[in-house]
Amino acid sequence: MQLPIPHTSKLASHHIALGVFLLIIIIGIIYNFVFAAPNPGHDWSGVGDSFFAVTGPATSQKTFTFPNANATVLTTNALVTLAQGGTGANLTSTDWGVVYGTDSSTMAITSSGSGGQILLSGGSIGGGGTAPSWSTATYPTTATGTGTILRADGTNWVASTATYPTTATGTGTILRADGTNWVASTATYPDTAGTSGNVLTSNGTNWVSSTPSSGSLITIPTRAFTATGALTASQMNSTTVFKVGIFPIHAPITVNQITVNVTAVGTAQALKICIYSATNGLAKVIDITTASISSTGGKSTAVSSVALNPGNYYIAIGCAATCNITMNAWTSTAFAHENGANIPASKLAYEGTVTMSSAGTCDSALPAFTSNAVNSTFNARLDN
């Protein structure tokens, strides 16, 4: 028996229609989730999750603009850093206080200070400095006196009563008081000292450096203070122990030659002759070595011109090398407080001996006396 075959064409069409309908519904659901409201203007992958509450505004919509960049929103939860325009510190304001940096990340505020004080730097933090502080001394708040300068009154800085010139147009002028203010001198002054021994003289208009022309000496002997006028033969035979005597110069002299008188020669040799300034810390001002002396008589030695001003000087003479030479020295009267055993403490002896540091040389400053003795000042003449 042949069974009937079912007809399926209508059933297949019904299933297809149902599948299309379900697909449309699924697409709609997906659209609502992905593309429909709320729509941030981009897909949901650009929205992050957060959990916070926002209050206000309550009456109308407000717009808050954010930069198109990664950023952090400033809140009261933490101090605003220096990089964000803050101070990095929880500051309490003081009246007229000044904000300053305490390190690379925080700030502080100074105290108020007092009227007229100025802010002083305490130095760098890395260098062990301290915070800036207000000066103890005060300063004027105005500058009403033209030409005045700041001066200390023992407590504060104040404007001077006397005024000072605003320009320095006169070359070589100096400041001088006119009884009220400080003004530039009419006469000018040299800007260099000139030759050693020069003095300031007036040329009728200005002051100039000049060689002393009046009252200067041409020659002078090294006469001992206590010299009797007679001469004594004094022997020189040491390269370190020099005989020394003080003598005065009463007027300026430029020395270019020194002469001594030799009375006997045992061992021929050159002499060291040095002059020291008793009024200038016993500094050496002349140092010469004679030619080898082998005969008696006057022995002159040239000196590179040296200007000596009035004052007390010592002449010191010894052997440049082994020698035995006798010369004229001033016969002097013995006085215990001048050339004897009772020289006042810390005062100068008049004559005696000193010991030089090296044989045949003169120290740069006159050594201390090793003995006080009469007839130790050699008779030399200093000539221009």
Foldseek 3Di string as FASTA:
>chain_A
DDDDDDDCPVVVVVVVVVVVVVVVVVVVVVCCVFPNPVDPPDTPVPDDDDDDDDDDDDPDDDDDDDDPDDDDDDDPPAFQWVVNVGFNDDADDEVCWDWDDPDPIHIYTAHNDDPQWDWDWQDDVVVVGDHIDTDQAGEDPDDPDPQWDWDDPPGHTYTDQAGEDPDDPDPQWDWDDPPGHTYTDQAGEDPDQPDPQWDWDDPPGHTYTGHDDPQADFKDKQDFPQFPPDKDKDKAFFQFKKWKFKGWDAAKYWFFKKKFWFDDWDFWAKKWKWKFAPVPQQFTQWIDIFGTDDDGGMGMDTTDITMDGTHMMMIIMHTLDGTITITIFGQGDDDCCAQRVNPPPPDDHGIAIDTAPDGNGHDRGGHDHPHGDGRRGGIMMTGD
